[in-house]
PDB file of N, CA and C in Angstrom:
ATOM      1  N   MET A   1      -0.711   9.851  -7.505  1.00  0.00           N
ATOM      2  CA  MET A   1       0.514   9.124  -7.705  1.00  0.00           C
ATOM      3  C   MET A   1       0.894   9.081  -9.179  1.00  0.00           C
ATOM      4  N   GLU A   2      -0.078   9.189 -10.060  1.00  0.00           N
ATOM      5  CA  GLU A   2       0.219   9.123 -11.495  1.00  0.00           C
ATOM      6  C   GLU A   2       1.227  10.168 -11.948  1.00  0.00           C
ATOM      7  N   SER A   3       1.154  11.337 -11.387  1.00  0.00           N
ATOM      8  CA  SER A   3       2.010  12.424 -11.857  1.00  0.00           C
ATOM      9  C   SER A   3       3.382  12.439 -11.182  1.00  0.00           C
ATOM     10  N   GLN A   4       3.631  11.490 -10.289  1.00  0.00           N
ATOM     11  CA  GLN A   4       4.903  11.448  -9.569  1.00  0.00           C
ATOM     12  C   GLN A   4       5.855  10.440 -10.195  1.00  0.00           C
ATOM     13  N   ASP A   5       7.121  10.586  -9.870  1.00  0.00           N
ATOM     14  CA  ASP A   5       8.151   9.687 -10.368  1.00  0.00           C
ATOM     15  C   ASP A   5       8.908   9.118  -9.164  1.00  0.00           C
ATOM     16  N   PHE A   6       8.351   8.064  -8.556  1.00  0.00           N
ATOM     17  CA  PHE A   6       8.955   7.450  -7.385  1.00  0.00           C
ATOM     18  C   PHE A   6       9.942   6.375  -7.839  1.00  0.00           C
ATOM     19  N   LYS A   7      11.223   6.636  -7.684  1.00  0.00           N
ATOM     20  CA  LYS A   7      12.253   5.669  -8.080  1.00  0.00           C
ATOM     21  C   LYS A   7      12.486   4.615  -6.998  1.00  0.00           C
ATOM     22  N   HIS A   8      12.321   5.022  -5.744  1.00  0.00           N
ATOM     23  CA  HIS A   8      12.573   4.158  -4.597  1.00  0.00           C
ATOM     24  C   HIS A   8      11.584   4.528  -3.494  1.00  0.00           C
ATOM     25  N   PHE A   9      11.488   3.650  -2.489  1.00  0.00           N
ATOM     26  CA  PHE A   9      10.569   3.906  -1.388  1.00  0.00           C
ATOM     27  C   PHE A   9      10.803   5.251  -0.701  1.00  0.00           C
ATOM     28  N   PRO A  10      12.031   5.682  -0.447  1.00  0.00           N
ATOM     29  CA  PRO A  10      12.221   6.988   0.201  1.00  0.00           C
ATOM     30  C   PRO A  10      11.589   8.157  -0.576  1.00  0.00           C
ATOM     31  N   ASP A  11      11.534   8.056  -1.899  1.00  0.00           N
ATOM     32  CA  ASP A  11      10.861   9.088  -2.699  1.00  0.00           C
ATOM     33  C   ASP A  11       9.372   9.132  -2.360  1.00  0.00           C
ATOM     34  N   LEU A  12       8.768   7.948  -2.260  1.00  0.00           N
ATOM     35  CA  LEU A  12       7.343   7.853  -1.930  1.00  0.00           C
ATOM     36  C   LEU A  12       7.107   8.325  -0.497  1.00  0.00           C
ATOM     37  N   LYS A  13       7.977   7.921   0.400  1.00  0.00           N
ATOM     38  CA  LYS A  13       7.844   8.275   1.816  1.00  0.00           C
ATOM     39  C   LYS A  13       7.924   9.786   2.029  1.00  0.00           C
ATOM     40  N   SER A  14       8.700  10.475   1.206  1.00  0.00           N
ATOM     41  CA  SER A  14       8.803  11.928   1.356  1.00  0.00           C
ATOM     42  C   SER A  14       7.480  12.619   1.043  1.00  0.00           C
ATOM     43  N   MET A  15       6.680  12.029   0.166  1.00  0.00           N
ATOM     44  CA  MET A  15       5.375  12.607  -0.158  1.00  0.00           C
ATOM     45  C   MET A  15       4.279  12.079   0.776  1.00  0.00           C
ATOM     46  N   PHE A  16       4.412  10.838   1.231  1.00  0.00           N
ATOM     47  CA  PHE A  16       3.430  10.196   2.110  1.00  0.00           C
ATOM     48  C   PHE A  16       4.140   9.746   3.384  1.00  0.00           C
ATOM     49  N   PRO A  17       4.332  10.641   4.345  1.00  0.00           N
ATOM     50  CA  PRO A  17       5.125  10.330   5.540  1.00  0.00           C
ATOM     51  C   PRO A  17       4.591   9.165   6.386  1.00  0.00           C
ATOM     52  N   THR A  18       3.300   8.865   6.301  1.00  0.00           N
ATOM     53  CA  THR A  18       2.761   7.764   7.112  1.00  0.00           C
ATOM     54  C   THR A  18       2.875   6.419   6.408  1.00  0.00           C
ATOM     55  N   ALA A  19       3.399   6.392   5.200  1.00  0.00           N
ATOM     56  CA  ALA A  19       3.569   5.132   4.468  1.00  0.00           C
ATOM     57  C   ALA A  19       4.697   4.324   5.100  1.00  0.00           C
ATOM     58  N   ASP A  20       4.509   2.998   5.120  1.00  0.00           N
ATOM     59  CA  ASP A  20       5.535   2.098   5.642  1.00  0.00           C
ATOM     60  C   ASP A  20       5.772   0.979   4.636  1.00  0.00           C
ATOM     61  N   LEU A  21       7.028   0.600   4.481  1.00  0.00           N
ATOM     62  CA  LEU A  21       7.400  -0.499   3.612  1.00  0.00           C
ATOM     63  C   LEU A  21       7.189  -1.801   4.374  1.00  0.00           C
ATOM     64  N   ILE A  22       6.352  -2.684   3.853  1.00  0.00           N
ATOM     65  CA  ILE A  22       6.062  -3.958   4.512  1.00  0.00           C
ATOM     66  C   ILE A  22       7.110  -4.993   4.102  1.00  0.00           C
ATOM     67  N   CYS A  23       7.358  -5.095   2.817  1.00  0.00           N
ATOM     68  CA  CYS A  23       8.385  -5.974   2.273  1.00  0.00           C
ATOM     69  C   CYS A  23       8.880  -5.319   0.985  1.00  0.00           C
ATOM     70  N   ASP A  24       9.669  -6.028   0.213  1.00  0.00           N
ATOM     71  CA  ASP A  24      10.316  -5.415  -0.956  1.00  0.00           C
ATOM     72  C   ASP A  24       9.381  -4.653  -1.891  1.00  0.00           C
ATOM     73  N   ASP A  25       8.170  -5.147  -2.063  1.00  0.00           N
ATOM     74  CA  ASP A  25       7.283  -4.531  -3.051  1.00  0.00           C
ATOM     75  C   ASP A  25       5.924  -4.108  -2.490  1.00  0.00           C
ATOM     76  N   ARG A  26       5.787  -4.037  -1.192  1.00  0.00           N
ATOM     77  CA  ARG A  26       4.497  -3.669  -0.595  1.00  0.00           C
ATOM     78  C   ARG A  26       4.634  -2.486   0.342  1.00  0.00           C
ATOM     79  N   VAL A  27       3.660  -1.592   0.197  1.00  0.00           N
ATOM     80  CA  VAL A  27       3.631  -0.390   1.027  1.00  0.00           C
ATOM     81  C   VAL A  27       2.251  -0.305   1.668  1.00  0.00           C
ATOM     82  N   VAL A  28       2.220   0.058   2.942  1.00  0.00           N
ATOM     83  CA  VAL A  28       0.947   0.271   3.629  1.00  0.00           C
ATOM     84  C   VAL A  28       0.813   1.761   3.915  1.00  0.00           C
ATOM     85  N   PHE A  29      -0.387   2.276   3.637  1.00  0.00           N
ATOM     86  CA  PHE A  29      -0.707   3.681   3.881  1.00  0.00           C
ATOM     87  C   PHE A  29      -1.744   3.762   4.988  1.00  0.00           C
ATOM     88  N   ASN A  30      -1.554   4.676   5.920  1.00  0.00           N
ATOM     89  CA  ASN A  30      -2.556   4.979   6.939  1.00  0.00           C
ATOM     90  C   ASN A  30      -3.458   6.056   6.360  1.00  0.00           C
ATOM     91  N   ILE A  31      -4.756   5.826   6.421  1.00  0.00           N
ATOM     92  CA  ILE A  31      -5.709   6.749   5.816  1.00  0.00           C
ATOM     93  C   ILE A  31      -6.710   7.217   6.861  1.00  0.00           C
ATOM     94  N   LYS A  32      -7.055   8.472   6.781  1.00  0.00           N
ATOM     95  CA  LYS A  32      -8.035   9.097   7.663  1.00  0.00           C
ATOM     96  C   LYS A  32      -7.664   8.905   9.131  1.00  0.00           C
ATOM     97  N   GLY A  33      -6.477   9.399   9.467  1.00  0.00           N
ATOM     98  CA  GLY A  33      -6.034   9.327  10.859  1.00  0.00           C
ATOM     99  C   GLY A  33      -5.832   7.911  11.358  1.00  0.00           C
ATOM    100  N   ASN A  34      -5.397   7.027  10.463  1.00  0.00           N
ATOM    101  CA  ASN A  34      -5.117   5.630  10.783  1.00  0.00           C
ATOM    102  C   ASN A  34      -6.392   4.813  11.014  1.00  0.00           C
ATOM    103  N   LYS A  35      -7.532   5.341  10.604  1.00  0.00           N
ATOM    104  CA  LYS A  35      -8.787   4.600  10.723  1.00  0.00           C
ATOM    105  C   LYS A  35      -8.859   3.488   9.676  1.00  0.00           C
ATOM    106  N   PHE A  36      -8.229   3.727   8.526  1.00  0.00           N
ATOM    107  CA  PHE A  36      -8.204   2.761   7.431  1.00  0.00           C
ATOM    108  C   PHE A  36      -6.765   2.485   7.024  1.00  0.00           C
ATOM    109  N   ARG A  37      -6.564   1.342   6.373  1.00  0.00           N
ATOM    110  CA  ARG A  37      -5.255   0.974   5.841  1.00  0.00           C
ATOM    111  C   ARG A  37      -5.412   0.583   4.370  1.00  0.00           C
ATOM    112  N   LEU A  38      -4.399   0.922   3.600  1.00  0.00           N
ATOM    113  CA  LEU A  38      -4.339   0.578   2.183  1.00  0.00           C
ATOM    114  C   LEU A  38      -3.004  -0.108   1.937  1.00  0.00           C
ATOM    115  N   ILE A  39      -3.059  -1.326   1.410  1.00  0.00           N
ATOM    116  CA  ILE A  39      -1.842  -2.044   1.050  1.00  0.00           C
ATOM    117  C   ILE A  39      -1.717  -2.009  -0.463  1.00  0.00           C
ATOM    118  N   VAL A  40      -0.555  -1.569  -0.926  1.00  0.00           N
ATOM    119  CA  VAL A  40      -0.317  -1.411  -2.356  1.00  0.00           C
ATOM    120  C   VAL A  40       0.953  -2.165  -2.734  1.00  0.00           C
ATOM    121  N   GLY A  41       0.864  -2.919  -3.818  1.00  0.00           N
ATOM    122  CA  GLY A  41       2.057  -3.523  -4.399  1.00  0.00           C
ATOM    123  C   GLY A  41       2.667  -2.504  -5.339  1.00  0.00           C
ATOM    124  N   VAL A  42       3.942  -2.226  -5.175  1.00  0.00           N
ATOM    125  CA  VAL A  42       4.590  -1.194  -5.972  1.00  0.00           C
ATOM    126  C   VAL A  42       5.764  -1.793  -6.737  1.00  0.00           C
ATOM    127  N   ASP A  43       5.810  -1.505  -8.025  1.00  0.00           N
ATOM    128  CA  ASP A  43       6.964  -1.866  -8.854  1.00  0.00           C
ATOM    129  C   ASP A  43       7.610  -0.549  -9.263  1.00  0.00           C
ATOM    130  N   PHE A  44       8.622  -0.157  -8.510  1.00  0.00           N
ATOM    131  CA  PHE A  44       9.256   1.141  -8.738  1.00  0.00           C
ATOM    132  C   PHE A  44       9.940   1.212 -10.097  1.00  0.00           C
ATOM    133  N   SER A  45      10.501   0.112 -10.564  1.00  0.00           N
ATOM    134  CA  SER A  45      11.200   0.146 -11.849  1.00  0.00           C
ATOM    135  C   SER A  45      10.248   0.373 -13.019  1.00  0.00           C
ATOM    136  N   ARG A  46       9.031  -0.169 -12.931  1.00  0.00           N
ATOM    137  CA  ARG A  46       8.046   0.030 -14.007  1.00  0.00           C
ATOM    138  C   ARG A  46       7.075   1.176 -13.718  1.00  0.00           C
ATOM    139  N   GLN A  47       7.199   1.778 -12.536  1.00  0.00           N
ATOM    140  CA  GLN A  47       6.348   2.913 -12.152  1.00  0.00           C
ATOM    141  C   GLN A  47       4.864   2.540 -12.136  1.00  0.00           C
ATOM    142  N   ILE A  48       4.544   1.380 -11.532  1.00  0.00           N
ATOM    143  CA  ILE A  48       3.150   0.965 -11.411  1.00  0.00           C
ATOM    144  C   ILE A  48       2.853   0.544  -9.971  1.00  0.00           C
ATOM    145  N   ALA A  49       1.583   0.635  -9.609  1.00  0.00           N
ATOM    146  CA  ALA A  49       1.133   0.241  -8.274  1.00  0.00           C
ATOM    147  C   ALA A  49      -0.187  -0.509  -8.405  1.00  0.00           C
ATOM    148  N   PHE A  50      -0.357  -1.492  -7.551  1.00  0.00           N
ATOM    149  CA  PHE A  50      -1.562  -2.317  -7.544  1.00  0.00           C
ATOM    150  C   PHE A  50      -2.164  -2.314  -6.149  1.00  0.00           C
ATOM    151  N   VAL A  51      -3.450  -2.089  -6.047  1.00  0.00           N
ATOM    152  CA  VAL A  51      -4.122  -2.185  -4.749  1.00  0.00           C
ATOM    153  C   VAL A  51      -4.229  -3.661  -4.388  1.00  0.00           C
ATOM    154  N   LYS A  52      -3.694  -4.004  -3.241  1.00  0.00           N
ATOM    155  CA  LYS A  52      -3.758  -5.388  -2.755  1.00  0.00           C
ATOM    156  C   LYS A  52      -4.871  -5.567  -1.729  1.00  0.00           C
ATOM    157  N   TRP A  53      -5.084  -4.526  -0.905  1.00  0.00           N
ATOM    158  CA  TRP A  53      -6.085  -4.640   0.154  1.00  0.00           C
ATOM    159  C   TRP A  53      -6.419  -3.252   0.670  1.00  0.00           C
ATOM    160  N   PHE A  54      -7.682  -3.067   1.052  1.00  0.00           N
ATOM    161  CA  PHE A  54      -8.129  -1.832   1.689  1.00  0.00           C
ATOM    162  C   PHE A  54      -9.155  -2.201   2.744  1.00  0.00           C
ATOM    163  N   GLY A  55      -9.025  -1.633   3.922  1.00  0.00           N
ATOM    164  CA  GLY A  55     -10.002  -1.923   4.955  1.00  0.00           C
ATOM    165  C   GLY A  55      -9.742  -1.143   6.230  1.00  0.00           C
ATOM    166  N   ARG A  56     -10.566  -1.448   7.228  1.00  0.00           N
ATOM    167  CA  ARG A  56     -10.445  -0.778   8.525  1.00  0.00           C
ATOM    168  C   ARG A  56      -9.206  -1.268   9.263  1.00  0.00           C
ATOM    169  N   HIS A  57      -8.682  -0.400  10.105  1.00  0.00           N
ATOM    170  CA  HIS A  57      -7.483  -0.744  10.864  1.00  0.00           C
ATOM    171  C   HIS A  57      -7.703  -2.011  11.679  1.00  0.00           C
ATOM    172  N   LYS A  58      -8.879  -2.144  12.287  1.00  0.00           N
ATOM    173  CA  LYS A  58      -9.126  -3.329  13.115  1.00  0.00           C
ATOM    174  C   LYS A  58      -9.136  -4.608  12.279  1.00  0.00           C
ATOM    175  N   ASP A  59      -9.498  -4.516  10.998  1.00  0.00           N
ATOM    176  CA  ASP A  59      -9.450  -5.687  10.116  1.00  0.00           C
ATOM    177  C   ASP A  59      -8.016  -5.944   9.633  1.00  0.00           C
ATOM    178  N   TYR A  60      -7.244  -4.892   9.495  1.00  0.00           N
ATOM    179  CA  TYR A  60      -5.837  -5.013   9.111  1.00  0.00           C
ATOM    180  C   TYR A  60      -5.075  -5.855  10.131  1.00  0.00           C
ATOM    181  N   ASP A  61      -5.426  -5.707  11.389  1.00  0.00           N
ATOM    182  CA  ASP A  61      -4.761  -6.463  12.448  1.00  0.00           C
ATOM    183  C   ASP A  61      -5.017  -7.970  12.340  1.00  0.00           C
ATOM    184  N   LYS A  62      -5.991  -8.384  11.523  1.00  0.00           N
ATOM    185  CA  LYS A  62      -6.350  -9.794  11.384  1.00  0.00           C
ATOM    186  C   LYS A  62      -5.723 -10.459  10.159  1.00  0.00           C
ATOM    187  N   ILE A  63      -4.998  -9.703   9.346  1.00  0.00           N
ATOM    188  CA  ILE A  63      -4.432 -10.251   8.111  1.00  0.00           C
ATOM    189  C   ILE A  63      -2.906 -10.269   8.178  1.00  0.00           C
ATOM    190  N   LYS A  64      -2.306 -10.930   7.211  1.00  0.00           N
ATOM    191  CA  LYS A  64      -0.850 -10.899   7.047  1.00  0.00           C
ATOM    192  C   LYS A  64      -0.562  -9.947   5.896  1.00  0.00           C
ATOM    193  N   PRO A  65      -0.180  -8.722   6.192  1.00  0.00           N
ATOM    194  CA  PRO A  65      -0.006  -7.707   5.144  1.00  0.00           C
ATOM    195  C   PRO A  65       0.963  -8.098   4.028  1.00  0.00           C
ATOM    196  N   SER A  66       1.966  -8.886   4.345  1.00  0.00           N
ATOM    197  CA  SER A  66       2.942  -9.262   3.322  1.00  0.00           C
ATOM    198  C   SER A  66       2.440 -10.372   2.409  1.00  0.00           C
ATOM    199  N   GLU A  67       1.312 -10.992   2.766  1.00  0.00           N
ATOM    200  CA  GLU A  67       0.796 -12.113   1.985  1.00  0.00           C
ATOM    201  C   GLU A  67      -0.584 -11.888   1.386  1.00  0.00           C
ATOM    202  N   VAL A  68      -1.313 -10.897   1.856  1.00  0.00           N
ATOM    203  CA  VAL A  68      -2.684 -10.696   1.395  1.00  0.00           C
ATOM    204  C   VAL A  68      -2.705 -10.454  -0.110  1.00  0.00           C
ATOM    205  N   LYS A  69      -3.718 -11.032  -0.774  1.00  0.00           N
ATOM    206  CA  LYS A  69      -3.865 -10.879  -2.216  1.00  0.00           C
ATOM    207  C   LYS A  69      -5.188 -10.204  -2.527  1.00  0.00           C
ATOM    208  N   HIS A  70      -5.188  -9.427  -3.583  1.00  0.00           N
ATOM    209  CA  HIS A  70      -6.417  -8.779  -4.023  1.00  0.00           C
ATOM    210  C   HIS A  70      -7.396  -9.852  -4.489  1.00  0.00           C
ATOM    211  N   GLU A  71      -8.617  -9.751  -4.033  1.00  0.00           N
ATOM    212  CA  GLU A  71      -9.660 -10.681  -4.458  1.00  0.00           C
ATOM    213  C   GLU A  71     -10.748  -9.912  -5.156  1.00  0.00           C
ATOM    214  N   TYR A  72     -11.143 -10.405  -6.313  1.00  0.00           N
ATOM    215  CA  TYR A  72     -12.224  -9.759  -7.043  1.00  0.00           C
ATOM    216  C   TYR A  72     -13.550 -10.183  -6.442  1.00  0.00           C
ATOM    217  N   PRO A  73     -14.505  -9.263  -6.352  1.00  0.00           N
ATOM    218  CA  PRO A  73     -15.815  -9.652  -5.817  1.00  0.00           C
ATOM    219  C   PRO A  73     -16.508 -10.621  -6.773  1.00  0.00           C
ATOM    220  N   PRO A  74     -17.348 -11.501  -6.231  1.00  0.00           N
ATOM    221  CA  PRO A  74     -18.050 -12.442  -7.109  1.00  0.00           C
ATOM    222  C   PRO A  74     -18.988 -11.718  -8.073  1.00  0.00           C
ATOM    223  N   CYS A  75     -19.129 -12.261  -9.244  1.00  0.00           N
ATOM    224  CA  CYS A  75     -19.998 -11.646 -10.269  1.00  0.00           C
ATOM    225  C   CYS A  75     -21.430 -12.088 -10.087  1.00  0.00           C
TER     226      CYS A  75
END
């Protein structure tokens, strides 16, 4: 993604057809045949993305994708 210039979600979707827009700034990616999900916060104007959540599809069904926050592991 670093080498790309995604101005809007349709630009990203053209490269990642399985990506879905969850809300204004969140995108979910299906990974490994939909076995895993990746939720990314995207700021198209600043060209940055933040990993919000990554996990198995069955665990994705237990969360609220539009509200989940990245949690740092305990030190």
